[in-house]
N, C-alpha and C. Protein backbone atom coordinates (compact mmCIF):
# COMPACT_ATOMS: atom_id res chain seq x y z
N MET A 1 -22.80 -15.25 1.24
CA MET A 1 -21.29 -15.51 1.49
C MET A 1 -20.84 -15.26 2.93
N ARG A 2 -20.39 -16.26 3.58
CA ARG A 2 -19.88 -15.96 4.91
C ARG A 2 -18.31 -16.21 4.95
N VAL A 3 -17.79 -15.13 5.31
CA VAL A 3 -16.35 -15.10 5.39
C VAL A 3 -15.98 -14.79 6.97
N PRO A 4 -15.61 -15.91 7.81
CA PRO A 4 -15.56 -15.58 9.25
C PRO A 4 -14.56 -14.28 9.56
N TRP A 5 -13.52 -14.21 8.82
CA TRP A 5 -12.49 -13.05 9.27
C TRP A 5 -12.97 -11.74 9.03
N LEU A 6 -14.16 -11.57 8.23
CA LEU A 6 -14.68 -10.31 7.93
C LEU A 6 -15.55 -9.67 9.00
N ARG A 7 -15.89 -10.81 9.80
CA ARG A 7 -16.79 -10.45 10.98
C ARG A 7 -15.99 -9.59 12.10
N ASP A 8 -16.66 -8.46 12.62
CA ASP A 8 -16.07 -7.87 13.74
C ASP A 8 -15.40 -8.50 14.86
N SER A 9 -16.06 -9.58 15.26
CA SER A 9 -15.70 -10.38 16.45
C SER A 9 -14.44 -11.11 16.21
N ALA A 10 -14.34 -11.46 14.87
CA ALA A 10 -12.82 -12.18 14.67
C ALA A 10 -11.76 -11.10 14.65
N ASN A 11 -12.05 -9.93 14.56
CA ASN A 11 -10.86 -8.84 14.47
C ASN A 11 -10.96 -8.02 15.80
N LYS A 12 -11.89 -8.30 16.82
CA LYS A 12 -12.05 -7.58 17.96
C LYS A 12 -10.74 -7.35 18.93
N PRO A 13 -10.08 -8.56 19.15
CA PRO A 13 -8.82 -8.32 19.85
C PRO A 13 -7.84 -7.44 19.13
N ARG A 14 -7.71 -7.55 17.96
CA ARG A 14 -6.64 -6.78 17.15
C ARG A 14 -7.24 -5.09 17.34
N ARG A 15 -8.45 -5.04 16.91
CA ARG A 15 -9.05 -3.87 17.05
C ARG A 15 -9.05 -3.01 18.50
N THR A 16 -9.16 -3.73 19.35
CA THR A 16 -9.29 -3.45 20.78
C THR A 16 -7.79 -2.84 21.15
N ARG A 17 -6.83 -3.55 20.75
CA ARG A 17 -5.33 -3.34 21.15
C ARG A 17 -4.82 -2.11 20.29
N ALA A 18 -5.35 -1.98 18.99
CA ALA A 18 -5.16 -0.80 18.08
C ALA A 18 -5.83 0.44 18.85
N ALA A 19 -7.00 0.20 19.17
CA ALA A 19 -7.70 1.46 19.68
C ALA A 19 -6.96 1.95 21.11
N ALA A 20 -6.42 1.05 21.85
CA ALA A 20 -5.78 1.38 23.06
C ALA A 20 -4.53 2.01 22.69
N ALA A 21 -3.96 1.94 21.68
CA ALA A 21 -2.78 2.59 21.17
C ALA A 21 -2.95 3.70 20.32
N GLY A 22 -4.37 4.04 20.29
CA GLY A 22 -4.67 5.22 19.44
C GLY A 22 -4.75 5.10 17.84
N ARG A 23 -4.90 3.90 17.40
CA ARG A 23 -4.67 3.58 16.15
C ARG A 23 -5.81 2.81 15.63
N SER A 24 -6.02 2.72 14.35
CA SER A 24 -7.09 1.84 13.81
C SER A 24 -6.55 0.98 12.76
N ILE A 25 -7.16 -0.27 12.46
CA ILE A 25 -6.86 -1.30 11.60
C ILE A 25 -7.71 -1.14 10.49
N GLY A 26 -7.33 -0.82 9.39
CA GLY A 26 -8.11 -0.89 8.17
C GLY A 26 -7.96 -2.12 7.44
N ILE A 27 -8.99 -2.47 6.73
CA ILE A 27 -8.99 -3.73 5.97
C ILE A 27 -9.19 -3.47 4.53
N THR A 28 -8.30 -4.07 3.79
CA THR A 28 -8.33 -3.96 2.45
C THR A 28 -8.68 -5.19 1.68
N ILE A 29 -9.47 -5.42 0.53
CA ILE A 29 -9.86 -6.41 -0.13
C ILE A 29 -9.02 -6.15 -1.51
N ASN A 30 -8.15 -7.24 -1.76
CA ASN A 30 -7.43 -7.30 -2.99
C ASN A 30 -8.12 -8.12 -4.14
N ALA A 31 -8.08 -7.65 -5.34
CA ALA A 31 -8.66 -8.21 -6.46
C ALA A 31 -10.06 -8.34 -6.21
N ALA A 32 -10.85 -7.23 -5.80
CA ALA A 32 -12.14 -7.07 -5.46
C ALA A 32 -12.99 -7.18 -6.65
N PRO A 33 -14.09 -7.68 -6.49
CA PRO A 33 -15.08 -7.73 -7.74
C PRO A 33 -15.72 -6.35 -7.99
N SER A 34 -16.23 -6.00 -9.10
CA SER A 34 -16.71 -4.80 -9.33
C SER A 34 -18.21 -4.77 -9.30
N ARG A 35 -18.77 -5.83 -8.83
CA ARG A 35 -20.35 -5.86 -8.72
C ARG A 35 -20.69 -5.10 -7.74
N PRO A 36 -21.85 -4.21 -7.89
CA PRO A 36 -22.38 -3.37 -6.64
C PRO A 36 -22.71 -4.23 -5.54
N ASP A 37 -23.31 -5.29 -5.65
CA ASP A 37 -23.90 -6.09 -4.54
C ASP A 37 -22.83 -6.64 -3.65
N ARG A 38 -21.59 -6.93 -4.28
CA ARG A 38 -20.54 -7.34 -3.36
C ARG A 38 -19.68 -6.13 -2.75
N LEU A 39 -19.75 -5.04 -3.51
CA LEU A 39 -19.17 -3.95 -2.97
C LEU A 39 -19.83 -3.38 -1.51
N GLU A 40 -21.23 -3.31 -1.83
CA GLU A 40 -22.11 -3.13 -0.69
C GLU A 40 -21.87 -3.98 0.60
N ARG A 41 -21.72 -5.31 0.22
CA ARG A 41 -21.47 -6.20 1.27
C ARG A 41 -20.06 -5.84 2.09
N TYR A 42 -19.09 -5.61 1.14
CA TYR A 42 -17.99 -5.24 1.87
C TYR A 42 -17.91 -3.90 2.59
N ALA A 43 -18.65 -3.04 2.11
CA ALA A 43 -18.85 -1.79 2.87
C ALA A 43 -19.51 -1.87 4.16
N GLN A 44 -20.64 -2.67 4.26
CA GLN A 44 -21.28 -3.35 5.37
C GLN A 44 -20.51 -3.92 6.38
N ALA A 45 -19.59 -4.69 5.87
CA ALA A 45 -18.64 -5.56 6.73
C ALA A 45 -17.51 -4.65 7.37
N GLY A 46 -17.45 -3.39 6.94
CA GLY A 46 -16.35 -2.55 7.44
C GLY A 46 -15.00 -2.41 6.61
N ILE A 47 -15.09 -3.05 5.44
CA ILE A 47 -13.98 -2.93 4.51
C ILE A 47 -13.76 -1.41 4.11
N GLU A 48 -12.56 -0.85 4.25
CA GLU A 48 -12.32 0.43 4.08
C GLU A 48 -11.65 0.64 2.59
N ARG A 49 -11.16 -0.23 1.95
CA ARG A 49 -10.41 -0.22 0.77
C ARG A 49 -10.50 -1.45 -0.11
N CYS A 50 -10.61 -1.27 -1.43
CA CYS A 50 -10.68 -2.24 -2.36
C CYS A 50 -9.64 -1.95 -3.23
N VAL A 51 -8.93 -3.06 -3.84
CA VAL A 51 -7.94 -3.04 -5.01
C VAL A 51 -8.65 -3.68 -5.98
N PHE A 52 -8.78 -3.00 -7.33
CA PHE A 52 -9.29 -3.65 -8.60
C PHE A 52 -8.18 -3.80 -9.45
N TYR A 53 -8.27 -4.84 -10.14
CA TYR A 53 -7.22 -5.02 -11.33
C TYR A 53 -7.82 -4.71 -12.56
N VAL A 54 -7.20 -3.98 -13.42
CA VAL A 54 -7.55 -3.68 -14.71
C VAL A 54 -6.83 -4.53 -15.80
N PRO A 55 -7.35 -4.73 -16.98
CA PRO A 55 -6.66 -5.57 -17.85
C PRO A 55 -5.42 -4.81 -18.57
N SER A 56 -4.36 -5.66 -18.94
CA SER A 56 -3.26 -5.14 -19.41
C SER A 56 -3.53 -5.23 -20.91
N SER A 57 -4.19 -4.20 -21.46
CA SER A 57 -4.77 -4.27 -23.02
C SER A 57 -4.79 -2.82 -23.44
N ALA A 58 -5.60 -2.67 -24.29
CA ALA A 58 -5.84 -1.43 -25.13
C ALA A 58 -6.44 -0.52 -24.07
N ALA A 59 -6.23 0.74 -24.32
CA ALA A 59 -6.81 1.90 -23.35
C ALA A 59 -8.19 1.83 -23.29
N ASP A 60 -8.99 1.53 -24.52
CA ASP A 60 -10.28 1.41 -24.30
C ASP A 60 -11.06 0.32 -23.29
N GLU A 61 -10.27 -0.81 -23.35
CA GLU A 61 -10.66 -1.81 -22.46
C GLU A 61 -10.35 -1.48 -20.93
N ILE A 62 -9.31 -0.66 -20.76
CA ILE A 62 -8.85 -0.39 -19.39
C ILE A 62 -9.96 0.66 -18.85
N GLU A 63 -10.21 1.66 -19.94
CA GLU A 63 -11.07 2.71 -19.39
C GLU A 63 -12.61 2.18 -19.29
N ALA A 64 -12.83 1.13 -19.95
CA ALA A 64 -14.21 0.48 -19.64
C ALA A 64 -14.31 -0.13 -18.43
N LYS A 65 -13.25 -0.82 -17.90
CA LYS A 65 -13.17 -1.53 -16.55
C LYS A 65 -13.05 -0.39 -15.49
N ILE A 66 -12.49 0.67 -15.63
CA ILE A 66 -12.53 1.72 -14.66
C ILE A 66 -13.69 2.34 -14.63
N ALA A 67 -14.42 2.64 -15.54
CA ALA A 67 -15.84 2.94 -15.61
C ALA A 67 -16.67 2.13 -14.86
N ARG A 68 -16.67 0.77 -15.09
CA ARG A 68 -17.62 -0.17 -14.31
C ARG A 68 -17.29 -0.06 -12.88
N VAL A 69 -16.12 -0.06 -12.44
CA VAL A 69 -15.80 0.05 -11.09
C VAL A 69 -16.32 1.36 -10.53
N LEU A 70 -16.18 2.56 -11.08
CA LEU A 70 -16.83 3.62 -10.45
C LEU A 70 -18.15 3.72 -10.60
N GLU A 71 -18.79 3.16 -11.75
CA GLU A 71 -20.37 3.17 -11.66
C GLU A 71 -20.83 2.31 -10.50
N SER A 72 -20.26 1.14 -10.23
CA SER A 72 -20.50 0.35 -9.12
C SER A 72 -20.42 1.03 -7.79
N ALA A 73 -19.17 1.75 -7.60
CA ALA A 73 -18.96 2.56 -6.52
C ALA A 73 -20.02 3.55 -6.12
N ALA A 74 -20.46 4.21 -7.21
CA ALA A 74 -21.46 5.26 -7.05
C ALA A 74 -22.79 4.70 -6.80
N THR A 75 -23.17 3.57 -7.35
CA THR A 75 -24.47 2.78 -7.20
C THR A 75 -24.62 2.44 -5.70
N VAL A 76 -23.56 2.01 -5.11
CA VAL A 76 -23.44 1.74 -3.60
C VAL A 76 -23.42 2.86 -2.80
N GLY A 77 -22.81 3.87 -3.26
CA GLY A 77 -22.65 5.09 -2.44
C GLY A 77 -21.43 5.13 -1.55
N VAL A 78 -20.20 4.50 -2.12
CA VAL A 78 -18.91 4.60 -1.64
C VAL A 78 -18.04 5.56 -2.56
N ALA A 79 -17.17 5.98 -1.88
CA ALA A 79 -16.23 6.85 -2.39
C ALA A 79 -15.17 6.11 -3.25
N PRO A 80 -14.80 6.56 -4.51
CA PRO A 80 -13.80 5.80 -5.28
C PRO A 80 -12.49 6.22 -4.69
């Protein structure tokens, strides 16, 4: 999967200006997949945060989704 705007070179001008101002620009993925291979690729690309959606349903389904996300994060070695 190639997503041009994830590459550092695409964000370099903004990151350079932010660094000059003493700030950093964090990148967040909204509606991120919970598959470990995808999370690993996002982490390698410099993504700092992911937002995961959980189903609006019974507590056991919600807890199962959260457990899958946490397991995937642990597999890749990123902090939840």
